[in-house]
Amino acid sequence: MIQAFESCHDGWGVAVLVGVPHSDAVFATSPVNFLNERTLKGTFFGNYKPRSDLPGLVELYLAKKLELEKFITHEVSFADINKAFDYMIKGESLRCVINMIGN
């Protein structure tokens, strides 16, 4: 994070943090980096707007133009939800589907 921000060009450089940093991550830099008009931005879920973006994605999926299944790495029952958190914390899962109905 810090290297990306500090490598930005003075005056118009922009660093965008994507994803969720590790819980122990710390961002420390000289305040001068901000005074030199470097910009630090963050994005959560890619600035995705469910209300306007989700209907189009559903249409693509139903038309078989969006392959979501290949991104699912694990499936667990609701009773095993802690396994899903373990996968996430260990970085072992891209997407984990939690089945709310079956075992």
PDB file of N, CA and C in Angstrom:
ATOM      1  N   MET A   1       0.832  -1.187   0.000  1.00  0.00           N
ATOM      2  CA  MET A   1       0.000   0.000   0.000  1.00  0.00           C
ATOM      3  C   MET A   1       0.872   1.243   0.000  1.00  0.00           C
ATOM      4  N   ILE A   2       1.804   1.265   0.915  1.00  0.00           N
ATOM      5  CA  ILE A   2       2.624   2.462   1.064  1.00  0.00           C
ATOM      6  C   ILE A   2       3.479   2.692  -0.183  1.00  0.00           C
ATOM      7  N   GLN A   3       4.059   1.594  -0.709  1.00  0.00           N
ATOM      8  CA  GLN A   3       4.904   1.749  -1.895  1.00  0.00           C
ATOM      9  C   GLN A   3       4.103   2.302  -3.069  1.00  0.00           C
ATOM     10  N   ALA A   4       2.870   1.839  -3.242  1.00  0.00           N
ATOM     11  CA  ALA A   4       2.041   2.332  -4.342  1.00  0.00           C
ATOM     12  C   ALA A   4       1.772   3.819  -4.177  1.00  0.00           C
ATOM     13  N   PHE A   5       1.411   4.225  -2.972  1.00  0.00           N
ATOM     14  CA  PHE A   5       1.103   5.632  -2.728  1.00  0.00           C
ATOM     15  C   PHE A   5       2.339   6.510  -2.900  1.00  0.00           C
ATOM     16  N   GLU A   6       3.453   6.079  -2.332  1.00  0.00           N
ATOM     17  CA  GLU A   6       4.659   6.903  -2.382  1.00  0.00           C
ATOM     18  C   GLU A   6       5.288   6.943  -3.771  1.00  0.00           C
ATOM     19  N   SER A   7       4.922   6.018  -4.652  1.00  0.00           N
ATOM     20  CA  SER A   7       5.454   6.043  -6.014  1.00  0.00           C
ATOM     21  C   SER A   7       4.603   6.893  -6.954  1.00  0.00           C
ATOM     22  N   CYS A   8       3.484   7.407  -6.463  1.00  0.00           N
ATOM     23  CA  CYS A   8       2.629   8.274  -7.281  1.00  0.00           C
ATOM     24  C   CYS A   8       3.350   9.577  -7.608  1.00  0.00           C
ATOM     25  N   HIS A   9       3.049  10.111  -8.764  1.00  0.00           N
ATOM     26  CA  HIS A   9       3.649  11.376  -9.200  1.00  0.00           C
ATOM     27  C   HIS A   9       3.097  12.529  -8.374  1.00  0.00           C
ATOM     28  N   ASP A  10       3.968  13.438  -7.969  1.00  0.00           N
ATOM     29  CA  ASP A  10       3.521  14.642  -7.260  1.00  0.00           C
ATOM     30  C   ASP A  10       2.576  15.435  -8.155  1.00  0.00           C
ATOM     31  N   GLY A  11       1.505  15.922  -7.572  1.00  0.00           N
ATOM     32  CA  GLY A  11       0.599  16.791  -8.298  1.00  0.00           C
ATOM     33  C   GLY A  11      -0.615  16.094  -8.882  1.00  0.00           C
ATOM     34  N   TRP A  12      -0.453  14.895  -9.419  1.00  0.00           N
ATOM     35  CA  TRP A  12      -1.614  14.233 -10.007  1.00  0.00           C
ATOM     36  C   TRP A  12      -1.631  12.712  -9.796  1.00  0.00           C
ATOM     37  N   GLY A  13      -0.693  12.178  -9.053  1.00  0.00           N
ATOM     38  CA  GLY A  13      -0.666  10.734  -8.833  1.00  0.00           C
ATOM     39  C   GLY A  13      -1.800  10.255  -7.941  1.00  0.00           C
ATOM     40  N   VAL A  14      -2.382   9.120  -8.320  1.00  0.00           N
ATOM     41  CA  VAL A  14      -3.487   8.538  -7.565  1.00  0.00           C
ATOM     42  C   VAL A  14      -3.183   7.060  -7.322  1.00  0.00           C
ATOM     43  N   ALA A  15      -3.280   6.639  -6.076  1.00  0.00           N
ATOM     44  CA  ALA A  15      -3.169   5.225  -5.727  1.00  0.00           C
ATOM     45  C   ALA A  15      -4.540   4.760  -5.249  1.00  0.00           C
ATOM     46  N   VAL A  16      -4.990   3.620  -5.768  1.00  0.00           N
ATOM     47  CA  VAL A  16      -6.295   3.079  -5.390  1.00  0.00           C
ATOM     48  C   VAL A  16      -6.067   1.746  -4.688  1.00  0.00           C
ATOM     49  N   LEU A  17      -6.505   1.669  -3.439  1.00  0.00           N
ATOM     50  CA  LEU A  17      -6.401   0.429  -2.685  1.00  0.00           C
ATOM     51  C   LEU A  17      -7.615  -0.429  -2.997  1.00  0.00           C
ATOM     52  N   VAL A  18      -7.371  -1.655  -3.442  1.00  0.00           N
ATOM     53  CA  VAL A  18      -8.438  -2.567  -3.833  1.00  0.00           C
ATOM     54  C   VAL A  18      -8.371  -3.789  -2.934  1.00  0.00           C
ATOM     55  N   GLY A  19      -9.511  -4.208  -2.434  1.00  0.00           N
ATOM     56  CA  GLY A  19      -9.537  -5.387  -1.574  1.00  0.00           C
ATOM     57  C   GLY A  19      -9.482  -5.002  -0.109  1.00  0.00           C
ATOM     58  N   VAL A  20      -9.451  -6.010   0.712  1.00  0.00           N
ATOM     59  CA  VAL A  20      -9.445  -5.805   2.156  1.00  0.00           C
ATOM     60  C   VAL A  20      -8.045  -6.085   2.678  1.00  0.00           C
ATOM     61  N   PRO A  21      -7.394  -5.105   3.293  1.00  0.00           N
ATOM     62  CA  PRO A  21      -6.053  -5.354   3.822  1.00  0.00           C
ATOM     63  C   PRO A  21      -6.096  -6.292   5.020  1.00  0.00           C
ATOM     64  N   HIS A  22      -4.971  -6.885   5.296  1.00  0.00           N
ATOM     65  CA  HIS A  22      -4.847  -7.758   6.469  1.00  0.00           C
ATOM     66  C   HIS A  22      -5.201  -6.950   7.719  1.00  0.00           C
ATOM     67  N   SER A  23      -5.752  -7.605   8.716  1.00  0.00           N
ATOM     68  CA  SER A  23      -6.223  -6.904   9.918  1.00  0.00           C
ATOM     69  C   SER A  23      -5.100  -6.192  10.660  1.00  0.00           C
ATOM     70  N   ASP A  24      -3.859  -6.609  10.468  1.00  0.00           N
ATOM     71  CA  ASP A  24      -2.720  -5.974  11.136  1.00  0.00           C
ATOM     72  C   ASP A  24      -2.068  -4.887  10.281  1.00  0.00           C
ATOM     73  N   ALA A  25      -2.601  -4.643   9.095  1.00  0.00           N
ATOM     74  CA  ALA A  25      -1.987  -3.682   8.176  1.00  0.00           C
ATOM     75  C   ALA A  25      -2.033  -2.270   8.754  1.00  0.00           C
ATOM     76  N   VAL A  26      -0.933  -1.556   8.556  1.00  0.00           N
ATOM     77  CA  VAL A  26      -0.814  -0.172   9.030  1.00  0.00           C
ATOM     78  C   VAL A  26      -0.358   0.675   7.850  1.00  0.00           C
ATOM     79  N   PHE A  27      -0.932   1.846   7.716  1.00  0.00           N
ATOM     80  CA  PHE A  27      -0.518   2.767   6.663  1.00  0.00           C
ATOM     81  C   PHE A  27       0.153   3.960   7.318  1.00  0.00           C
ATOM     82  N   ALA A  28       1.453   4.090   7.098  1.00  0.00           N
ATOM     83  CA  ALA A  28       2.202   5.210   7.688  1.00  0.00           C
ATOM     84  C   ALA A  28       3.054   5.842   6.597  1.00  0.00           C
ATOM     85  N   THR A  29       2.896   7.124   6.417  1.00  0.00           N
ATOM     86  CA  THR A  29       3.678   7.859   5.427  1.00  0.00           C
ATOM     87  C   THR A  29       3.848   9.287   5.917  1.00  0.00           C
ATOM     88  N   SER A  30       4.726  10.001   5.290  1.00  0.00           N
ATOM     89  CA  SER A  30       4.954  11.399   5.661  1.00  0.00           C
ATOM     90  C   SER A  30       3.783  12.259   5.201  1.00  0.00           C
ATOM     91  N   PRO A  31       3.321  13.175   6.038  1.00  0.00           N
ATOM     92  CA  PRO A  31       2.242  14.081   5.625  1.00  0.00           C
ATOM     93  C   PRO A  31       2.602  14.908   4.386  1.00  0.00           C
ATOM     94  N   VAL A  32       3.874  15.069   4.128  1.00  0.00           N
ATOM     95  CA  VAL A  32       4.313  15.819   2.956  1.00  0.00           C
ATOM     96  C   VAL A  32       3.806  15.156   1.673  1.00  0.00           C
ATOM     97  N   ASN A  33       3.669  13.835   1.698  1.00  0.00           N
ATOM     98  CA  ASN A  33       3.160  13.141   0.511  1.00  0.00           C
ATOM     99  C   ASN A  33       1.762  13.621   0.135  1.00  0.00           C
ATOM    100  N   PHE A  34       0.955  13.967   1.112  1.00  0.00           N
ATOM    101  CA  PHE A  34      -0.379  14.505   0.820  1.00  0.00           C
ATOM    102  C   PHE A  34      -0.293  15.974   0.410  1.00  0.00           C
ATOM    103  N   LEU A  35       0.615  16.701   1.023  1.00  0.00           N
ATOM    104  CA  LEU A  35       0.774  18.112   0.671  1.00  0.00           C
ATOM    105  C   LEU A  35       1.276  18.281  -0.762  1.00  0.00           C
ATOM    106  N   ASN A  36       1.955  17.246  -1.276  1.00  0.00           N
ATOM    107  CA  ASN A  36       2.421  17.277  -2.663  1.00  0.00           C
ATOM    108  C   ASN A  36       1.313  16.874  -3.639  1.00  0.00           C
ATOM    109  N   GLU A  37       0.075  16.813  -3.152  1.00  0.00           N
ATOM    110  CA  GLU A  37      -1.125  16.552  -3.944  1.00  0.00           C
ATOM    111  C   GLU A  37      -1.192  15.139  -4.514  1.00  0.00           C
ATOM    112  N   ARG A  38      -0.584  14.187  -3.818  1.00  0.00           N
ATOM    113  CA  ARG A  38      -0.804  12.785  -4.169  1.00  0.00           C
ATOM    114  C   ARG A  38      -2.158  12.400  -3.587  1.00  0.00           C
ATOM    115  N   THR A  39      -2.842  11.470  -4.239  1.00  0.00           N
ATOM    116  CA  THR A  39      -4.178  11.093  -3.800  1.00  0.00           C
ATOM    117  C   THR A  39      -4.212   9.610  -3.463  1.00  0.00           C
ATOM    118  N   LEU A  40      -4.846   9.292  -2.359  1.00  0.00           N
ATOM    119  CA  LEU A  40      -5.054   7.909  -1.951  1.00  0.00           C
ATOM    120  C   LEU A  40      -6.555   7.662  -1.924  1.00  0.00           C
ATOM    121  N   LYS A  41      -6.985   6.645  -2.667  1.00  0.00           N
ATOM    122  CA  LYS A  41      -8.404   6.289  -2.706  1.00  0.00           C
ATOM    123  C   LYS A  41      -8.546   4.831  -2.329  1.00  0.00           C
ATOM    124  N   GLY A  42      -9.720   4.481  -1.885  1.00  0.00           N
ATOM    125  CA  GLY A  42     -10.024   3.093  -1.596  1.00  0.00           C
ATOM    126  C   GLY A  42     -11.308   2.699  -2.299  1.00  0.00           C
ATOM    127  N   THR A  43     -11.449   1.427  -2.535  1.00  0.00           N
ATOM    128  CA  THR A  43     -12.665   0.941  -3.148  1.00  0.00           C
ATOM    129  C   THR A  43     -13.105  -0.312  -2.414  1.00  0.00           C
ATOM    130  N   PHE A  44     -14.370  -0.397  -2.152  1.00  0.00           N
ATOM    131  CA  PHE A  44     -14.941  -1.540  -1.456  1.00  0.00           C
ATOM    132  C   PHE A  44     -15.922  -2.194  -2.409  1.00  0.00           C
ATOM    133  N   PHE A  45     -15.696  -3.434  -2.773  1.00  0.00           N
ATOM    134  CA  PHE A  45     -16.496  -4.146  -3.763  1.00  0.00           C
ATOM    135  C   PHE A  45     -16.433  -3.453  -5.123  1.00  0.00           C
ATOM    136  N   GLY A  46     -15.311  -2.783  -5.427  1.00  0.00           N
ATOM    137  CA  GLY A  46     -15.147  -2.165  -6.740  1.00  0.00           C
ATOM    138  C   GLY A  46     -16.121  -1.036  -7.010  1.00  0.00           C
ATOM    139  N   ASN A  47     -16.594  -0.376  -5.953  1.00  0.00           N
ATOM    140  CA  ASN A  47     -17.602   0.678  -6.068  1.00  0.00           C
ATOM    141  C   ASN A  47     -18.850   0.171  -6.771  1.00  0.00           C
ATOM    142  N   TYR A  48     -19.138  -1.074  -6.549  1.00  0.00           N
ATOM    143  CA  TYR A  48     -20.295  -1.755  -7.110  1.00  0.00           C
ATOM    144  C   TYR A  48     -21.571  -1.177  -6.501  1.00  0.00           C
ATOM    145  N   LYS A  49     -22.567  -0.931  -7.333  1.00  0.00           N
ATOM    146  CA  LYS A  49     -23.838  -0.379  -6.876  1.00  0.00           C
ATOM    147  C   LYS A  49     -24.932  -1.418  -7.126  1.00  0.00           C
ATOM    148  N   PRO A  50     -25.265  -2.205  -6.105  1.00  0.00           N
ATOM    149  CA  PRO A  50     -26.203  -3.314  -6.288  1.00  0.00           C
ATOM    150  C   PRO A  50     -27.528  -2.925  -6.938  1.00  0.00           C
ATOM    151  N   ARG A  51     -28.103  -1.819  -6.546  1.00  0.00           N
ATOM    152  CA  ARG A  51     -29.427  -1.452  -7.067  1.00  0.00           C
ATOM    153  C   ARG A  51     -29.423  -1.291  -8.583  1.00  0.00           C
ATOM    154  N   SER A  52     -28.380  -0.689  -9.121  1.00  0.00           N
ATOM    155  CA  SER A  52     -28.356  -0.472 -10.568  1.00  0.00           C
ATOM    156  C   SER A  52     -27.549  -1.532 -11.317  1.00  0.00           C
ATOM    157  N   ASP A  53     -26.576  -2.162 -10.679  1.00  0.00           N
ATOM    158  CA  ASP A  53     -25.693  -3.102 -11.363  1.00  0.00           C
ATOM    159  C   ASP A  53     -26.176  -4.556 -11.316  1.00  0.00           C
ATOM    160  N   LEU A  54     -26.844  -4.953 -10.248  1.00  0.00           N
ATOM    161  CA  LEU A  54     -27.227  -6.351 -10.070  1.00  0.00           C
ATOM    162  C   LEU A  54     -28.200  -6.878 -11.133  1.00  0.00           C
ATOM    163  N   PRO A  55     -29.238  -6.139 -11.521  1.00  0.00           N
ATOM    164  CA  PRO A  55     -30.142  -6.671 -12.550  1.00  0.00           C
ATOM    165  C   PRO A  55     -29.432  -7.042 -13.853  1.00  0.00           C
ATOM    166  N   GLY A  56     -28.479  -6.253 -14.277  1.00  0.00           N
ATOM    167  CA  GLY A  56     -27.731  -6.561 -15.494  1.00  0.00           C
ATOM    168  C   GLY A  56     -26.887  -7.816 -15.347  1.00  0.00           C
ATOM    169  N   LEU A  57     -26.289  -7.996 -14.169  1.00  0.00           N
ATOM    170  CA  LEU A  57     -25.498  -9.199 -13.928  1.00  0.00           C
ATOM    171  C   LEU A  57     -26.368 -10.444 -13.908  1.00  0.00           C
ATOM    172  N   VAL A  58     -27.562 -10.338 -13.337  1.00  0.00           N
ATOM    173  CA  VAL A  58     -28.490 -11.471 -13.316  1.00  0.00           C
ATOM    174  C   VAL A  58     -28.866 -11.852 -14.750  1.00  0.00           C
ATOM    175  N   GLU A  59     -29.133 -10.852 -15.582  1.00  0.00           N
ATOM    176  CA  GLU A  59     -29.469 -11.127 -16.979  1.00  0.00           C
ATOM    177  C   GLU A  59     -28.318 -11.829 -17.699  1.00  0.00           C
ATOM    178  N   LEU A  60     -27.095 -11.365 -17.484  1.00  0.00           N
ATOM    179  CA  LEU A  60     -25.930 -12.014 -18.092  1.00  0.00           C
ATOM    180  C   LEU A  60     -25.784 -13.450 -17.624  1.00  0.00           C
ATOM    181  N   TYR A  61     -25.985 -13.679 -16.331  1.00  0.00           N
ATOM    182  CA  TYR A  61     -25.868 -15.033 -15.782  1.00  0.00           C
ATOM    183  C   TYR A  61     -26.938 -15.955 -16.373  1.00  0.00           C
ATOM    184  N   LEU A  62     -28.174 -15.491 -16.414  1.00  0.00           N
ATOM    185  CA  LEU A  62     -29.259 -16.312 -16.946  1.00  0.00           C
ATOM    186  C   LEU A  62     -29.090 -16.591 -18.440  1.00  0.00           C
ATOM    187  N   ALA A  63     -28.425 -15.691 -19.151  1.00  0.00           N
ATOM    188  CA  ALA A  63     -28.159 -15.882 -20.578  1.00  0.00           C
ATOM    189  C   ALA A  63     -26.884 -16.694 -20.800  1.00  0.00           C
ATOM    190  N   LYS A  64     -26.304 -17.209 -19.721  1.00  0.00           N
ATOM    191  CA  LYS A  64     -25.070 -18.023 -19.790  1.00  0.00           C
ATOM    192  C   LYS A  64     -23.880 -17.239 -20.342  1.00  0.00           C
ATOM    193  N   LYS A  65     -23.891 -15.926 -20.160  1.00  0.00           N
ATOM    194  CA  LYS A  65     -22.779 -15.092 -20.608  1.00  0.00           C
ATOM    195  C   LYS A  65     -21.848 -14.713 -19.463  1.00  0.00           C
ATOM    196  N   LEU A  66     -22.202 -15.088 -18.248  1.00  0.00           N
ATOM    197  CA  LEU A  66     -21.394 -14.811 -17.066  1.00  0.00           C
ATOM    198  C   LEU A  66     -21.236 -16.115 -16.295  1.00  0.00           C
ATOM    199  N   GLU A  67     -20.022 -16.639 -16.260  1.00  0.00           N
ATOM    200  CA  GLU A  67     -19.760 -17.926 -15.617  1.00  0.00           C
ATOM    201  C   GLU A  67     -19.326 -17.706 -14.165  1.00  0.00           C
ATOM    202  N   LEU A  68     -20.266 -17.739 -13.253  1.00  0.00           N
ATOM    203  CA  LEU A  68     -19.948 -17.517 -11.846  1.00  0.00           C
ATOM    204  C   LEU A  68     -19.406 -18.761 -11.155  1.00  0.00           C
ATOM    205  N   GLU A  69     -19.813 -19.936 -11.622  1.00  0.00           N
ATOM    206  CA  GLU A  69     -19.453 -21.173 -10.947  1.00  0.00           C
ATOM    207  C   GLU A  69     -17.946 -21.381 -10.858  1.00  0.00           C
ATOM    208  N   LYS A  70     -17.201 -20.906 -11.852  1.00  0.00           N
ATOM    209  CA  LYS A  70     -15.755 -21.131 -11.844  1.00  0.00           C
ATOM    210  C   LYS A  70     -15.041 -20.327 -10.742  1.00  0.00           C
ATOM    211  N   PHE A  71     -15.728 -19.370 -10.150  1.00  0.00           N
ATOM    212  CA  PHE A  71     -15.130 -18.584  -9.074  1.00  0.00           C
ATOM    213  C   PHE A  71     -15.438 -19.144  -7.687  1.00  0.00           C
ATOM    214  N   ILE A  72     -16.277 -20.153  -7.605  1.00  0.00           N
ATOM    215  CA  ILE A  72     -16.638 -20.753  -6.320  1.00  0.00           C
ATOM    216  C   ILE A  72     -15.604 -21.815  -5.977  1.00  0.00           C
ATOM    217  N   THR A  73     -14.895 -21.610  -4.879  1.00  0.00           N
ATOM    218  CA  THR A  73     -13.862 -22.560  -4.473  1.00  0.00           C
ATOM    219  C   THR A  73     -14.334 -23.502  -3.373  1.00  0.00           C
ATOM    220  N   HIS A  74     -15.338 -23.112  -2.595  1.00  0.00           N
ATOM    221  CA  HIS A  74     -15.840 -23.943  -1.505  1.00  0.00           C
ATOM    222  C   HIS A  74     -17.345 -23.758  -1.347  1.00  0.00           C
ATOM    223  N   GLU A  75     -17.984 -24.801  -0.855  1.00  0.00           N
ATOM    224  CA  GLU A  75     -19.389 -24.733  -0.469  1.00  0.00           C
ATOM    225  C   GLU A  75     -19.513 -25.373   0.906  1.00  0.00           C
ATOM    226  N   VAL A  76     -20.192 -24.696   1.834  1.00  0.00           N
ATOM    227  CA  VAL A  76     -20.379 -25.225   3.186  1.00  0.00           C
ATOM    228  C   VAL A  76     -21.832 -25.024   3.604  1.00  0.00           C
ATOM    229  N   SER A  77     -22.264 -25.840   4.548  1.00  0.00           N
ATOM    230  CA  SER A  77     -23.611 -25.655   5.094  1.00  0.00           C
ATOM    231  C   SER A  77     -23.564 -24.534   6.121  1.00  0.00           C
ATOM    232  N   PHE A  78     -24.732 -24.033   6.470  1.00  0.00           N
ATOM    233  CA  PHE A  78     -24.784 -22.972   7.479  1.00  0.00           C
ATOM    234  C   PHE A  78     -24.206 -23.453   8.808  1.00  0.00           C
ATOM    235  N   ALA A  79     -24.408 -24.723   9.104  1.00  0.00           N
ATOM    236  CA  ALA A  79     -23.860 -25.284  10.351  1.00  0.00           C
ATOM    237  C   ALA A  79     -22.338 -25.220  10.372  1.00  0.00           C
ATOM    238  N   ASP A  80     -21.709 -25.201   9.191  1.00  0.00           N
ATOM    239  CA  ASP A  80     -20.246 -25.150   9.084  1.00  0.00           C
ATOM    240  C   ASP A  80     -19.744 -23.761   8.680  1.00  0.00           C
ATOM    241  N   ILE A  81     -20.489 -22.734   9.025  1.00  0.00           N
ATOM    242  CA  ILE A  81     -20.125 -21.375   8.604  1.00  0.00           C
ATOM    243  C   ILE A  81     -18.743 -20.957   9.108  1.00  0.00           C
ATOM    244  N   ASN A  82     -18.332 -21.498  10.255  1.00  0.00           N
ATOM    245  CA  ASN A  82     -17.002 -21.150  10.771  1.00  0.00           C
ATOM    246  C   ASN A  82     -15.892 -21.639   9.846  1.00  0.00           C
ATOM    247  N   LYS A  83     -16.129 -22.726   9.122  1.00  0.00           N
ATOM    248  CA  LYS A  83     -15.152 -23.179   8.137  1.00  0.00           C
ATOM    249  C   LYS A  83     -14.965 -22.124   7.052  1.00  0.00           C
ATOM    250  N   ALA A  84     -16.061 -21.499   6.648  1.00  0.00           N
ATOM    251  CA  ALA A  84     -15.974 -20.454   5.629  1.00  0.00           C
ATOM    252  C   ALA A  84     -15.115 -19.289   6.115  1.00  0.00           C
ATOM    253  N   PHE A  85     -15.285 -18.922   7.364  1.00  0.00           N
ATOM    254  CA  PHE A  85     -14.458 -17.848   7.924  1.00  0.00           C
ATOM    255  C   PHE A  85     -13.001 -18.272   8.007  1.00  0.00           C
ATOM    256  N   ASP A  86     -12.768 -19.530   8.362  1.00  0.00           N
ATOM    257  CA  ASP A  86     -11.392 -20.038   8.414  1.00  0.00           C
ATOM    258  C   ASP A  86     -10.743 -19.976   7.034  1.00  0.00           C
ATOM    259  N   TYR A  87     -11.478 -20.406   5.987  1.00  0.00           N
ATOM    260  CA  TYR A  87     -10.958 -20.327   4.621  1.00  0.00           C
ATOM    261  C   TYR A  87     -10.598 -18.886   4.269  1.00  0.00           C
ATOM    262  N   MET A  88     -11.476 -17.954   4.634  1.00  0.00           N
ATOM    263  CA  MET A  88     -11.263 -16.552   4.312  1.00  0.00           C
ATOM    264  C   MET A  88     -10.026 -16.011   5.032  1.00  0.00           C
ATOM    265  N   ILE A  89      -9.930 -16.274   6.316  1.00  0.00           N
ATOM    266  CA  ILE A  89      -8.812 -15.756   7.112  1.00  0.00           C
ATOM    267  C   ILE A  89      -7.481 -16.318   6.631  1.00  0.00           C
ATOM    268  N   LYS A  90      -7.473 -17.591   6.242  1.00  0.00           N
ATOM    269  CA  LYS A  90      -6.246 -18.229   5.771  1.00  0.00           C
ATOM    270  C   LYS A  90      -5.937 -17.894   4.313  1.00  0.00           C
ATOM    271  N   GLY A  91      -6.853 -17.221   3.637  1.00  0.00           N
ATOM    272  CA  GLY A  91      -6.657 -16.888   2.230  1.00  0.00           C
ATOM    273  C   GLY A  91      -6.779 -18.093   1.320  1.00  0.00           C
ATOM    274  N   GLU A  92      -7.553 -19.100   1.731  1.00  0.00           N
ATOM    275  CA  GLU A  92      -7.690 -20.340   0.972  1.00  0.00           C
ATOM    276  C   GLU A  92      -8.933 -20.370   0.088  1.00  0.00           C
ATOM    277  N   SER A  93      -9.705 -19.322   0.078  1.00  0.00           N
ATOM    278  CA  SER A  93     -10.963 -19.343  -0.653  1.00  0.00           C
ATOM    279  C   SER A  93     -11.114 -18.082  -1.483  1.00  0.00           C
ATOM    280  N   LEU A  94     -11.512 -18.272  -2.737  1.00  0.00           N
ATOM    281  CA  LEU A  94     -11.845 -17.120  -3.567  1.00  0.00           C
ATOM    282  C   LEU A  94     -13.284 -16.701  -3.284  1.00  0.00           C
ATOM    283  N   ARG A  95     -14.205 -17.655  -3.405  1.00  0.00           N
ATOM    284  CA  ARG A  95     -15.605 -17.445  -3.052  1.00  0.00           C
ATOM    285  C   ARG A  95     -16.114 -18.710  -2.387  1.00  0.00           C
ATOM    286  N   CYS A  96     -16.822 -18.540  -1.294  1.00  0.00           N
ATOM    287  CA  CYS A  96     -17.389 -19.664  -0.562  1.00  0.00           C
ATOM    288  C   CYS A  96     -18.903 -19.460  -0.485  1.00  0.00           C
ATOM    289  N   VAL A  97     -19.640 -20.445  -0.969  1.00  0.00           N
ATOM    290  CA  VAL A  97     -21.083 -20.389  -0.933  1.00  0.00           C
ATOM    291  C   VAL A  97     -21.567 -21.074   0.345  1.00  0.00           C
ATOM    292  N   ILE A  98     -22.429 -20.396   1.082  1.00  0.00           N
ATOM    293  CA  ILE A  98     -22.988 -20.943   2.320  1.00  0.00           C
ATOM    294  C   ILE A  98     -24.424 -21.355   2.038  1.00  0.00           C
ATOM    295  N   ASN A  99     -24.678 -22.651   2.142  1.00  0.00           N
ATOM    296  CA  ASN A  99     -26.014 -23.205   1.896  1.00  0.00           C
ATOM    297  C   ASN A  99     -26.852 -23.000   3.149  1.00  0.00           C
ATOM    298  N   MET A 100     -27.862 -22.173   3.039  1.00  0.00           N
ATOM    299  CA  MET A 100     -28.698 -21.839   4.203  1.00  0.00           C
ATOM    300  C   MET A 100     -29.781 -22.866   4.483  1.00  0.00           C
ATOM    301  N   ILE A 101     -30.026 -23.791   3.549  1.00  0.00           N
ATOM    302  CA  ILE A 101     -31.145 -24.730   3.697  1.00  0.00           C
ATOM    303  C   ILE A 101     -30.669 -26.128   4.069  1.00  0.00           C
ATOM    304  N   GLY A 102     -29.835 -26.728   3.247  1.00  0.00           N
ATOM    305  CA  GLY A 102     -29.413 -28.123   3.466  1.00  0.00           C
ATOM    306  C   GLY A 102     -28.232 -28.243   4.387  1.00  0.00           C
ATOM    307  N   ASN A 103     -27.840 -29.487   4.609  1.00  0.00           N
ATOM    308  CA  ASN A 103     -26.665 -29.749   5.467  1.00  0.00           C
ATOM    309  C   ASN A 103     -25.420 -29.914   4.654  1.00  0.00           C
TER     310      ASN A 103
END
